[in-house]
Amino acid sequence: SQTLDIYEMNLETRECRRIIFRDGSRQFDKIFMYGEEV
């Protein structure tokens, strides 16, 4: 498995912003992915 953070990157400016994973008001620190599941 891979413990990951996901970022959105603007390809023009190269600015990266972190995606926040949540279930209502509860936030998750990391996600766990197996293979390519995006």
PDB file of all heavy atoms in Angstrom:
ATOM      1  N   SER A   1       0.829  -1.202   0.000  1.00  0.00           N
ATOM      2  CA  SER A   1       0.000   0.000   0.000  1.00  0.00           C
ATOM      3  C   SER A   1       0.862   1.250   0.000  1.00  0.00           C
ATOM      4  O   SER A   1       2.057   1.209   0.257  1.00  0.00           O
ATOM      5  CB  SER A   1      -0.923   0.016   1.218  1.00  0.00           C
ATOM      6  OG  SER A   1      -0.171   0.269   2.388  1.00  0.00           O
ATOM      7  N   GLN A   2       0.220   2.354  -0.318  1.00  0.00           N
ATOM      8  CA  GLN A   2       0.887   3.647  -0.331  1.00  0.00           C
ATOM      9  C   GLN A   2       0.096   4.592   0.557  1.00  0.00           C
ATOM     10  O   GLN A   2      -1.115   4.717   0.392  1.00  0.00           O
ATOM     11  CB  GLN A   2       0.916   4.206  -1.745  1.00  0.00           C
ATOM     12  CG  GLN A   2       1.605   3.326  -2.743  1.00  0.00           C
ATOM     13  CD  GLN A   2       1.457   3.872  -4.150  1.00  0.00           C
ATOM     14  OE1 GLN A   2       1.394   5.072  -4.353  1.00  0.00           O
ATOM     15  NE2 GLN A   2       1.402   2.985  -5.115  1.00  0.00           N
ATOM     16  N   THR A   3       0.749   5.238   1.531  1.00  0.00           N
ATOM     17  CA  THR A   3       0.091   6.273   2.311  1.00  0.00           C
ATOM     18  C   THR A   3       0.407   7.585   1.624  1.00  0.00           C
ATOM     19  O   THR A   3       1.568   7.927   1.426  1.00  0.00           O
ATOM     20  CB  THR A   3       0.574   6.282   3.770  1.00  0.00           C
ATOM     21  OG1 THR A   3       1.972   6.457   3.799  1.00  0.00           O
ATOM     22  CG2 THR A   3       0.189   5.000   4.482  1.00  0.00           C
ATOM     23  N   LEU A   4      -0.643   8.303   1.253  1.00  0.00           N
ATOM     24  CA  LEU A   4      -0.456   9.431   0.353  1.00  0.00           C
ATOM     25  C   LEU A   4      -1.186  10.688   0.782  1.00  0.00           C
ATOM     26  O   LEU A   4      -2.208  10.629   1.440  1.00  0.00           O
ATOM     27  CB  LEU A   4      -0.994   9.064  -1.045  1.00  0.00           C
ATOM     28  CG  LEU A   4      -0.401   7.857  -1.729  1.00  0.00           C
ATOM     29  CD1 LEU A   4      -1.208   7.509  -2.954  1.00  0.00           C
ATOM     30  CD2 LEU A   4       1.039   8.122  -2.095  1.00  0.00           C
ATOM     31  N   ASP A   5      -0.648  11.802   0.324  1.00  0.00           N
ATOM     32  CA  ASP A   5      -1.351  13.067   0.262  1.00  0.00           C
ATOM     33  C   ASP A   5      -1.567  13.333  -1.225  1.00  0.00           C
ATOM     34  O   ASP A   5      -0.732  12.968  -2.052  1.00  0.00           O
ATOM     35  CB  ASP A   5      -0.520  14.207   0.845  1.00  0.00           C
ATOM     36  CG  ASP A   5      -0.431  14.146   2.362  1.00  0.00           C
ATOM     37  OD1 ASP A   5      -1.449  13.854   3.003  1.00  0.00           O
ATOM     38  OD2 ASP A   5       0.656  14.398   2.890  1.00  0.00           O
ATOM     39  N   ILE A   6      -2.686  13.969  -1.572  1.00  0.00           N
ATOM     40  CA  ILE A   6      -2.965  14.327  -2.953  1.00  0.00           C
ATOM     41  C   ILE A   6      -2.950  15.847  -3.051  1.00  0.00           C
ATOM     42  O   ILE A   6      -3.504  16.541  -2.197  1.00  0.00           O
ATOM     43  CB  ILE A   6      -4.342  13.786  -3.419  1.00  0.00           C
ATOM     44  CG1 ILE A   6      -4.423  12.274  -3.236  1.00  0.00           C
ATOM     45  CG2 ILE A   6      -4.628  14.193  -4.861  1.00  0.00           C
ATOM     46  CD1 ILE A   6      -3.579  11.463  -4.175  1.00  0.00           C
ATOM     47  N   TYR A   7      -2.301  16.355  -4.094  1.00  0.00           N
ATOM     48  CA  TYR A   7      -2.196  17.792  -4.333  1.00  0.00           C
ATOM     49  C   TYR A   7      -2.751  18.134  -5.703  1.00  0.00           C
ATOM     50  O   TYR A   7      -2.580  17.370  -6.650  1.00  0.00           O
ATOM     51  CB  TYR A   7      -0.732  18.249  -4.277  1.00  0.00           C
ATOM     52  CG  TYR A   7      -0.121  18.106  -2.916  1.00  0.00           C
ATOM     53  CD1 TYR A   7       0.433  16.903  -2.510  1.00  0.00           C
ATOM     54  CD2 TYR A   7      -0.109  19.175  -2.038  1.00  0.00           C
ATOM     55  CE1 TYR A   7       0.995  16.766  -1.255  1.00  0.00           C
ATOM     56  CE2 TYR A   7       0.452  19.042  -0.772  1.00  0.00           C
ATOM     57  CZ  TYR A   7       0.999  17.838  -0.394  1.00  0.00           C
ATOM     58  OH  TYR A   7       1.546  17.702   0.849  1.00  0.00           O
ATOM     59  N   GLU A   8      -3.402  19.290  -5.789  1.00  0.00           N
ATOM     60  CA  GLU A   8      -3.804  19.837  -7.078  1.00  0.00           C
ATOM     61  C   GLU A   8      -2.733  20.839  -7.497  1.00  0.00           C
ATOM     62  O   GLU A   8      -2.357  21.711  -6.722  1.00  0.00           O
ATOM     63  CB  GLU A   8      -5.152  20.548  -6.964  1.00  0.00           C
ATOM     64  CG  GLU A   8      -5.584  21.183  -8.272  1.00  0.00           C
ATOM     65  CD  GLU A   8      -6.789  22.065  -8.090  1.00  0.00           C
ATOM     66  OE1 GLU A   8      -7.910  21.561  -8.215  1.00  0.00           O
ATOM     67  OE2 GLU A   8      -6.594  23.264  -7.804  1.00  0.00           O
ATOM     68  N   MET A   9      -2.243  20.692  -8.730  1.00  0.00           N
ATOM     69  CA  MET A   9      -1.179  21.572  -9.223  1.00  0.00           C
ATOM     70  C   MET A   9      -1.682  22.362 -10.425  1.00  0.00           C
ATOM     71  O   MET A   9      -2.231  21.792 -11.366  1.00  0.00           O
ATOM     72  CB  MET A   9       0.039  20.755  -9.637  1.00  0.00           C
ATOM     73  CG  MET A   9       1.162  21.568 -10.205  1.00  0.00           C
ATOM     74  SD  MET A   9       2.501  20.450 -10.717  1.00  0.00           S
ATOM     75  CE  MET A   9       3.778  21.608 -11.062  1.00  0.00           C
ATOM     76  N   ASN A  10      -1.501  23.666 -10.387  1.00  0.00           N
ATOM     77  CA  ASN A  10      -1.764  24.528 -11.531  1.00  0.00           C
ATOM     78  C   ASN A  10      -0.569  24.384 -12.467  1.00  0.00           C
ATOM     79  O   ASN A  10       0.557  24.709 -12.090  1.00  0.00           O
ATOM     80  CB  ASN A  10      -1.929  25.974 -11.061  1.00  0.00           C
ATOM     81  CG  ASN A  10      -2.208  26.921 -12.191  1.00  0.00           C
ATOM     82  OD1 ASN A  10      -1.600  26.852 -13.265  1.00  0.00           O
ATOM     83  ND2 ASN A  10      -3.133  27.832 -11.953  1.00  0.00           N
ATOM     84  N   LEU A  11      -0.786  23.859 -13.672  1.00  0.00           N
ATOM     85  CA  LEU A  11       0.327  23.593 -14.582  1.00  0.00           C
ATOM     86  C   LEU A  11       0.992  24.857 -15.103  1.00  0.00           C
ATOM     87  O   LEU A  11       2.156  24.823 -15.488  1.00  0.00           O
ATOM     88  CB  LEU A  11      -0.144  22.733 -15.759  1.00  0.00           C
ATOM     89  CG  LEU A  11      -0.576  21.316 -15.399  1.00  0.00           C
ATOM     90  CD1 LEU A  11      -1.110  20.585 -16.615  1.00  0.00           C
ATOM     91  CD2 LEU A  11       0.572  20.541 -14.768  1.00  0.00           C
ATOM     92  N   GLU A  12       0.274  25.979 -15.113  1.00  0.00           N
ATOM     93  CA  GLU A  12       0.864  27.236 -15.579  1.00  0.00           C
ATOM     94  C   GLU A  12       1.775  27.864 -14.529  1.00  0.00           C
ATOM     95  O   GLU A  12       2.871  28.318 -14.836  1.00  0.00           O
ATOM     96  CB  GLU A  12      -0.235  28.218 -15.983  1.00  0.00           C
ATOM     97  CG  GLU A  12      -1.016  27.754 -17.196  1.00  0.00           C
ATOM     98  CD  GLU A  12      -2.208  28.641 -17.506  1.00  0.00           C
ATOM     99  OE1 GLU A  12      -2.495  29.581 -16.731  1.00  0.00           O
ATOM    100  OE2 GLU A  12      -2.854  28.387 -18.532  1.00  0.00           O
ATOM    101  N   THR A  13       1.322  27.889 -13.266  1.00  0.00           N
ATOM    102  CA  THR A  13       2.091  28.550 -12.212  1.00  0.00           C
ATOM    103  C   THR A  13       2.928  27.578 -11.385  1.00  0.00           C
ATOM    104  O   THR A  13       3.774  28.009 -10.608  1.00  0.00           O
ATOM    105  CB  THR A  13       1.145  29.293 -11.247  1.00  0.00           C
ATOM    106  OG1 THR A  13       0.321  28.331 -10.574  1.00  0.00           O
ATOM    107  CG2 THR A  13       0.296  30.310 -11.994  1.00  0.00           C
ATOM    108  N   ARG A  14       2.633  26.276 -11.496  1.00  0.00           N
ATOM    109  CA  ARG A  14       3.272  25.209 -10.704  1.00  0.00           C
ATOM    110  C   ARG A  14       2.932  25.279  -9.219  1.00  0.00           C
ATOM    111  O   ARG A  14       3.582  24.657  -8.394  1.00  0.00           O
ATOM    112  CB  ARG A  14       4.799  25.224 -10.880  1.00  0.00           C
ATOM    113  CG  ARG A  14       5.260  25.136 -12.308  1.00  0.00           C
ATOM    114  CD  ARG A  14       5.345  23.703 -12.743  1.00  0.00           C
ATOM    115  NE  ARG A  14       5.459  23.541 -14.170  1.00  0.00           N
ATOM    116  CZ  ARG A  14       6.573  23.309 -14.829  1.00  0.00           C
ATOM    117  NH1 ARG A  14       7.700  23.215 -14.172  1.00  0.00           N
ATOM    118  NH2 ARG A  14       6.562  23.167 -16.130  1.00  0.00           N
ATOM    119  N   GLU A  15       1.905  26.051  -8.875  1.00  0.00           N
ATOM    120  CA  GLU A  15       1.437  26.132  -7.496  1.00  0.00           C
ATOM    121  C   GLU A  15       0.703  24.841  -7.135  1.00  0.00           C
ATOM    122  O   GLU A  15      -0.140  24.357  -7.891  1.00  0.00           O
ATOM    123  CB  GLU A  15       0.491  27.318  -7.312  1.00  0.00           C
ATOM    124  CG  GLU A  15      -0.094  27.402  -5.926  1.00  0.00           C
ATOM    125  CD  GLU A  15      -1.186  28.465  -5.796  1.00  0.00           C
ATOM    126  OE1 GLU A  15      -1.601  29.045  -6.809  1.00  0.00           O
ATOM    127  OE2 GLU A  15      -1.621  28.687  -4.665  1.00  0.00           O
ATOM    128  N   CYS A  16       1.027  24.287  -5.966  1.00  0.00           N
ATOM    129  CA  CYS A  16       0.399  23.060  -5.485  1.00  0.00           C
ATOM    130  C   CYS A  16      -0.411  23.350  -4.229  1.00  0.00           C
ATOM    131  O   CYS A  16       0.052  24.072  -3.344  1.00  0.00           O
ATOM    132  CB  CYS A  16       1.451  22.005  -5.159  1.00  0.00           C
ATOM    133  SG  CYS A  16       2.300  21.382  -6.606  1.00  0.00           S
ATOM    134  N   ARG A  17      -1.614  22.780  -4.184  1.00  0.00           N
ATOM    135  CA  ARG A  17      -2.470  22.928  -3.009  1.00  0.00           C
ATOM    136  C   ARG A  17      -2.958  21.545  -2.595  1.00  0.00           C
ATOM    137  O   ARG A  17      -3.384  20.751  -3.428  1.00  0.00           O
ATOM    138  CB  ARG A  17      -3.646  23.843  -3.316  1.00  0.00           C
ATOM    139  CG  ARG A  17      -3.181  25.230  -3.759  1.00  0.00           C
ATOM    140  CD  ARG A  17      -4.304  26.178  -4.052  1.00  0.00           C
ATOM    141  NE  ARG A  17      -5.219  25.639  -5.064  1.00  0.00           N
ATOM    142  CZ  ARG A  17      -6.401  26.174  -5.348  1.00  0.00           C
ATOM    143  NH1 ARG A  17      -6.825  27.236  -4.705  1.00  0.00           N
ATOM    144  NH2 ARG A  17      -7.165  25.646  -6.271  1.00  0.00           N
ATOM    145  N   ARG A  18      -2.897  21.271  -1.313  1.00  0.00           N
ATOM    146  CA  ARG A  18      -3.260  19.955  -0.780  1.00  0.00           C
ATOM    147  C   ARG A  18      -4.765  19.737  -0.806  1.00  0.00           C
ATOM    148  O   ARG A  18      -5.548  20.621  -0.475  1.00  0.00           O
ATOM    149  CB  ARG A  18      -2.748  19.821   0.656  1.00  0.00           C
ATOM    150  CG  ARG A  18      -2.929  18.455   1.239  1.00  0.00           C
ATOM    151  CD  ARG A  18      -2.197  18.350   2.576  1.00  0.00           C
ATOM    152  NE  ARG A  18      -2.478  17.087   3.192  1.00  0.00           N
ATOM    153  CZ  ARG A  18      -3.352  16.926   4.180  1.00  0.00           C
ATOM    154  NH1 ARG A  18      -3.977  17.955   4.691  1.00  0.00           N
ATOM    155  NH2 ARG A  18      -3.566  15.731   4.681  1.00  0.00           N
ATOM    156  N   ILE A  19      -5.175  18.537  -1.197  1.00  0.00           N
ATOM    157  CA  ILE A  19      -6.577  18.124  -1.152  1.00  0.00           C
ATOM    158  C   ILE A  19      -6.863  17.580   0.244  1.00  0.00           C
ATOM    159  O   ILE A  19      -6.111  16.757   0.765  1.00  0.00           O
ATOM    160  CB  ILE A  19      -6.862  17.036  -2.213  1.00  0.00           C
ATOM    161  CG1 ILE A  19      -6.559  17.548  -3.623  1.00  0.00           C
ATOM    162  CG2 ILE A  19      -8.287  16.517  -2.095  1.00  0.00           C
ATOM    163  CD1 ILE A  19      -7.470  18.612  -4.134  1.00  0.00           C
ATOM    164  N   ILE A  20      -7.955  18.034   0.855  1.00  0.00           N
ATOM    165  CA  ILE A  20      -8.363  17.600   2.187  1.00  0.00           C
ATOM    166  C   ILE A  20      -9.423  16.508   2.034  1.00  0.00           C
ATOM    167  O   ILE A  20     -10.452  16.720   1.397  1.00  0.00           O
ATOM    168  CB  ILE A  20      -8.958  18.769   3.007  1.00  0.00           C
ATOM    169  CG1 ILE A  20      -7.985  19.947   3.057  1.00  0.00           C
ATOM    170  CG2 ILE A  20      -9.377  18.295   4.398  1.00  0.00           C
ATOM    171  CD1 ILE A  20      -6.689  19.661   3.731  1.00  0.00           C
ATOM    172  N   PHE A  21      -9.179  15.341   2.615  1.00  0.00           N
ATOM    173  CA  PHE A  21     -10.120  14.229   2.577  1.00  0.00           C
ATOM    174  C   PHE A  21     -10.988  14.291   3.819  1.00  0.00           C
ATOM    175  O   PHE A  21     -10.479  14.432   4.931  1.00  0.00           O
ATOM    176  CB  PHE A  21      -9.374  12.892   2.511  1.00  0.00           C
ATOM    177  CG  PHE A  21      -8.771  12.652   1.160  1.00  0.00           C
ATOM    178  CD1 PHE A  21      -7.597  13.265   0.785  1.00  0.00           C
ATOM    179  CD2 PHE A  21      -9.419  11.828   0.245  1.00  0.00           C
ATOM    180  CE1 PHE A  21      -7.055  13.068  -0.468  1.00  0.00           C
ATOM    181  CE2 PHE A  21      -8.884  11.625  -1.019  1.00  0.00           C
ATOM    182  CZ  PHE A  21      -7.698  12.249  -1.373  1.00  0.00           C
ATOM    183  N   ARG A  22     -12.318  14.185   3.599  1.00  0.00           N
ATOM    184  CA  ARG A  22     -13.215  14.347   4.740  1.00  0.00           C
ATOM    185  C   ARG A  22     -14.486  13.518   4.573  1.00  0.00           C
ATOM    186  O   ARG A  22     -14.885  13.142   3.477  1.00  0.00           O
ATOM    187  CB  ARG A  22     -13.574  15.815   4.927  1.00  0.00           C
ATOM    188  CG  ARG A  22     -14.374  16.389   3.775  1.00  0.00           C
ATOM    189  CD  ARG A  22     -14.609  17.865   3.916  1.00  0.00           C
ATOM    190  NE  ARG A  22     -15.431  18.351   2.804  1.00  0.00           N
ATOM    191  CZ  ARG A  22     -15.796  19.584   2.642  1.00  0.00           C
ATOM    192  NH1 ARG A  22     -15.421  20.507   3.517  1.00  0.00           N
ATOM    193  NH2 ARG A  22     -16.551  19.941   1.619  1.00  0.00           N
ATOM    194  N   ASP A  23     -15.105  13.285   5.723  1.00  0.00           N
ATOM    195  CA  ASP A  23     -16.419  12.666   5.804  1.00  0.00           C
ATOM    196  C   ASP A  23     -17.224  13.591   6.703  1.00  0.00           C
ATOM    197  O   ASP A  23     -17.125  13.510   7.932  1.00  0.00           O
ATOM    198  CB  ASP A  23     -16.322  11.260   6.386  1.00  0.00           C
ATOM    199  CG  ASP A  23     -17.678  10.578   6.490  1.00  0.00           C
ATOM    200  OD1 ASP A  23     -18.662  11.105   5.926  1.00  0.00           O
ATOM    201  OD2 ASP A  23     -17.754   9.513   7.131  1.00  0.00           O
ATOM    202  N   GLY A  24     -17.964  14.499   6.103  1.00  0.00           N
ATOM    203  CA  GLY A  24     -18.650  15.536   6.876  1.00  0.00           C
ATOM    204  C   GLY A  24     -17.610  16.448   7.499  1.00  0.00           C
ATOM    205  O   GLY A  24     -16.746  16.985   6.821  1.00  0.00           O
ATOM    206  N   SER A  25     -17.634  16.564   8.828  1.00  0.00           N
ATOM    207  CA  SER A  25     -16.670  17.429   9.514  1.00  0.00           C
ATOM    208  C   SER A  25     -15.394  16.676   9.908  1.00  0.00           C
ATOM    209  O   SER A  25     -14.424  17.283  10.344  1.00  0.00           O
ATOM    210  CB  SER A  25     -17.305  18.049  10.750  1.00  0.00           C
ATOM    211  OG  SER A  25     -17.678  17.032  11.656  1.00  0.00           O
ATOM    212  N   ARG A  26     -15.385  15.357   9.775  1.00  0.00           N
ATOM    213  CA  ARG A  26     -14.208  14.547  10.126  1.00  0.00           C
ATOM    214  C   ARG A  26     -13.212  14.525   8.976  1.00  0.00           C
ATOM    215  O   ARG A  26     -13.571  14.211   7.847  1.00  0.00           O
ATOM    216  CB  ARG A  26     -14.656  13.129  10.460  1.00  0.00           C
ATOM    217  CG  ARG A  26     -13.552  12.283  11.033  1.00  0.00           C
ATOM    218  CD  ARG A  26     -14.075  10.941  11.447  1.00  0.00           C
ATOM    219  NE  ARG A  26     -13.528   9.979  10.497  1.00  0.00           N
ATOM    220  CZ  ARG A  26     -14.023   8.793  10.271  1.00  0.00           C
ATOM    221  NH1 ARG A  26     -15.108   8.398  10.889  1.00  0.00           N
ATOM    222  NH2 ARG A  26     -13.454   7.979   9.431  1.00  0.00           N
ATOM    223  N   GLN A  27     -11.962  14.879   9.248  1.00  0.00           N
ATOM    224  CA  GLN A  27     -10.917  14.878   8.227  1.00  0.00           C
ATOM    225  C   GLN A  27      -9.982  13.700   8.432  1.00  0.00           C
ATOM    226  O   GLN A  27      -9.773  13.248   9.552  1.00  0.00           O
ATOM    227  CB  GLN A  27     -10.117  16.176   8.273  1.00  0.00           C
ATOM    228  CG  GLN A  27     -10.912  17.378   7.841  1.00  0.00           C
ATOM    229  CD  GLN A  27     -10.065  18.637   7.764  1.00  0.00           C
ATOM    230  OE1 GLN A  27      -8.859  18.615   7.966  1.00  0.00           O
ATOM    231  NE2 GLN A  27     -10.705  19.749   7.477  1.00  0.00           N
ATOM    232  N   PHE A  28      -9.425  13.205   7.321  1.00  0.00           N
ATOM    233  CA  PHE A  28      -8.476  12.106   7.354  1.00  0.00           C
ATOM    234  C   PHE A  28      -7.084  12.652   7.071  1.00  0.00           C
ATOM    235  O   PHE A  28      -6.913  13.463   6.165  1.00  0.00           O
ATOM    236  CB  PHE A  28      -8.838  11.046   6.307  1.00  0.00           C
ATOM    237  CG  PHE A  28     -10.234  10.528   6.450  1.00  0.00           C
ATOM    238  CD1 PHE A  28     -11.222  10.889   5.567  1.00  0.00           C
ATOM    239  CD2 PHE A  28     -10.568   9.670   7.490  1.00  0.00           C
ATOM    240  CE1 PHE A  28     -12.515  10.418   5.693  1.00  0.00           C
ATOM    241  CE2 PHE A  28     -11.855   9.191   7.632  1.00  0.00           C
ATOM    242  CZ  PHE A  28     -12.835   9.572   6.731  1.00  0.00           C
ATOM    243  N   ASP A  29      -6.093  12.185   7.840  1.00  0.00           N
ATOM    244  CA  ASP A  29      -4.721  12.650   7.649  1.00  0.00           C
ATOM    245  C   ASP A  29      -4.118  12.116   6.361  1.00  0.00           C
ATOM    246  O   ASP A  29      -3.471  12.833   5.622  1.00  0.00           O
ATOM    247  CB  ASP A  29      -3.834  12.245   8.826  1.00  0.00           C
ATOM    248  CG  ASP A  29      -4.195  12.993  10.098  1.00  0.00           C
ATOM    249  OD1 ASP A  29      -4.692  14.127   9.991  1.00  0.00           O
ATOM    250  OD2 ASP A  29      -3.997  12.431  11.177  1.00  0.00           O
ATOM    251  N   LYS A  30      -4.278  10.845   6.113  1.00  0.00           N
ATOM    252  CA  LYS A  30      -3.681  10.191   4.946  1.00  0.00           C
ATOM    253  C   LYS A  30      -4.713   9.274   4.321  1.00  0.00           C
ATOM    254  O   LYS A  30      -5.649   8.837   4.969  1.00  0.00           O
ATOM    255  CB  LYS A  30      -2.467   9.339   5.337  1.00  0.00           C
ATOM    256  CG  LYS A  30      -1.336  10.092   5.984  1.00  0.00           C
ATOM    257  CD  LYS A  30      -0.483  10.761   4.950  1.00  0.00           C
ATOM    258  CE  LYS A  30       0.714  11.429   5.643  1.00  0.00           C
ATOM    259  NZ  LYS A  30       1.480  12.243   4.771  1.00  0.00           N
ATOM    260  N   ILE A  31      -4.493   8.978   3.049  1.00  0.00           N
ATOM    261  CA  ILE A  31      -5.300   7.961   2.400  1.00  0.00           C
ATOM    262  C   ILE A  31      -4.392   6.803   2.030  1.00  0.00           C
ATOM    263  O   ILE A  31      -3.173   6.946   1.969  1.00  0.00           O
ATOM    264  CB  ILE A  31      -6.059   8.503   1.170  1.00  0.00           C
ATOM    265  CG1 ILE A  31      -5.087   8.992   0.106  1.00  0.00           C
ATOM    266  CG2 ILE A  31      -7.032   9.588   1.569  1.00  0.00           C
ATOM    267  CD1 ILE A  31      -5.751   9.247  -1.220  1.00  0.00           C
ATOM    268  N   PHE A  32      -4.991   5.653   1.799  1.00  0.00           N
ATOM    269  CA  PHE A  32      -4.245   4.431   1.504  1.00  0.00           C
ATOM    270  C   PHE A  32      -4.718   3.894   0.170  1.00  0.00           C
ATOM    271  O   PHE A  32      -5.869   3.499   0.028  1.00  0.00           O
ATOM    272  CB  PHE A  32      -4.470   3.392   2.611  1.00  0.00           C
ATOM    273  CG  PHE A  32      -4.026   3.871   3.956  1.00  0.00           C
ATOM    274  CD1 PHE A  32      -4.880   4.608   4.761  1.00  0.00           C
ATOM    275  CD2 PHE A  32      -2.747   3.604   4.404  1.00  0.00           C
ATOM    276  CE1 PHE A  32      -4.464   5.062   5.998  1.00  0.00           C
ATOM    277  CE2 PHE A  32      -2.322   4.055   5.642  1.00  0.00           C
ATOM    278  CZ  PHE A  32      -3.191   4.790   6.446  1.00  0.00           C
ATOM    279  N   MET A  33      -3.816   3.890  -0.806  1.00  0.00           N
ATOM    280  CA  MET A  33      -4.189   3.451  -2.145  1.00  0.00           C
ATOM    281  C   MET A  33      -3.387   2.226  -2.542  1.00  0.00           C
ATOM    282  O   MET A  33      -2.219   2.104  -2.199  1.00  0.00           O
ATOM    283  CB  MET A  33      -3.958   4.570  -3.155  1.00  0.00           C
ATOM    284  CG  MET A  33      -4.879   5.741  -2.949  1.00  0.00           C
ATOM    285  SD  MET A  33      -4.525   7.118  -4.029  1.00  0.00           S
ATOM    286  CE  MET A  33      -4.732   6.386  -5.623  1.00  0.00           C
ATOM    287  N   TYR A  34      -4.039   1.335  -3.264  1.00  0.00           N
ATOM    288  CA  TYR A  34      -3.414   0.137  -3.804  1.00  0.00           C
ATOM    289  C   TYR A  34      -3.543   0.225  -5.317  1.00  0.00           C
ATOM    290  O   TYR A  34      -4.638   0.068  -5.849  1.00  0.00           O
ATOM    291  CB  TYR A  34      -4.113  -1.124  -3.288  1.00  0.00           C
ATOM    292  CG  TYR A  34      -3.970  -1.295  -1.806  1.00  0.00           C
ATOM    293  CD1 TYR A  34      -4.814  -0.650  -0.927  1.00  0.00           C
ATOM    294  CD2 TYR A  34      -2.950  -2.078  -1.285  1.00  0.00           C
ATOM    295  CE1 TYR A  34      -4.676  -0.799   0.440  1.00  0.00           C
ATOM    296  CE2 TYR A  34      -2.798  -2.238   0.076  1.00  0.00           C
ATOM    297  CZ  TYR A  34      -3.666  -1.588   0.932  1.00  0.00           C
ATOM    298  OH  TYR A  34      -3.524  -1.735   2.276  1.00  0.00           O
ATOM    299  N   GLY A  35      -2.453   0.516  -5.988  1.00  0.00           N
ATOM    300  CA  GLY A  35      -2.511   0.641  -7.445  1.00  0.00           C
ATOM    301  C   GLY A  35      -3.093   1.977  -7.860  1.00  0.00           C
ATOM    302  O   GLY A  35      -3.139   2.925  -7.090  1.00  0.00           O
ATOM    303  N   GLU A  36      -3.552   2.044  -9.087  1.00  0.00           N
ATOM    304  CA  GLU A  36      -4.065   3.285  -9.658  1.00  0.00           C
ATOM    305  C   GLU A  36      -5.575   3.345  -9.488  1.00  0.00           C
ATOM    306  O   GLU A  36      -6.314   2.761 -10.257  1.00  0.00           O
ATOM    307  CB  GLU A  36      -3.692   3.366 -11.135  1.00  0.00           C
ATOM    308  CG  GLU A  36      -2.200   3.384 -11.353  1.00  0.00           C
ATOM    309  CD  GLU A  36      -1.843   3.372 -12.824  1.00  0.00           C
ATOM    310  OE1 GLU A  36      -2.728   3.562 -13.663  1.00  0.00           O
ATOM    311  OE2 GLU A  36      -0.664   3.173 -13.109  1.00  0.00           O
ATOM    312  N   GLU A  37      -6.036   4.044  -8.496  1.00  0.00           N
ATOM    313  CA  GLU A  37      -7.460   4.134  -8.218  1.00  0.00           C
ATOM    314  C   GLU A  37      -7.944   5.571  -8.240  1.00  0.00           C
ATOM    315  O   GLU A  37      -8.667   6.011  -7.356  1.00  0.00           O
ATOM    316  CB  GLU A  37      -7.782   3.456  -6.885  1.00  0.00           C
ATOM    317  CG  GLU A  37      -7.555   1.964  -6.916  1.00  0.00           C
ATOM    318  CD  GLU A  37      -8.332   1.238  -8.019  1.00  0.00           C
ATOM    319  OE1 GLU A  37      -9.456   1.645  -8.356  1.00  0.00           O
ATOM    320  OE2 GLU A  37      -7.792   0.267  -8.559  1.00  0.00           O
ATOM    321  N   VAL A  38      -7.538   6.319  -9.251  1.00  0.00           N
ATOM    322  CA  VAL A  38      -7.975   7.695  -9.453  1.00  0.00           C
ATOM    323  C   VAL A  38      -8.541   7.786 -10.862  1.00  0.00           C
ATOM    324  O   VAL A  38      -7.911   7.334 -11.813  1.00  0.00           O
ATOM    325  CB  VAL A  38      -6.797   8.687  -9.290  1.00  0.00           C
ATOM    326  CG1 VAL A  38      -7.241  10.105  -9.592  1.00  0.00           C
ATOM    327  CG2 VAL A  38      -6.193   8.589  -7.902  1.00  0.00           C
TER     328      VAL A  38
END
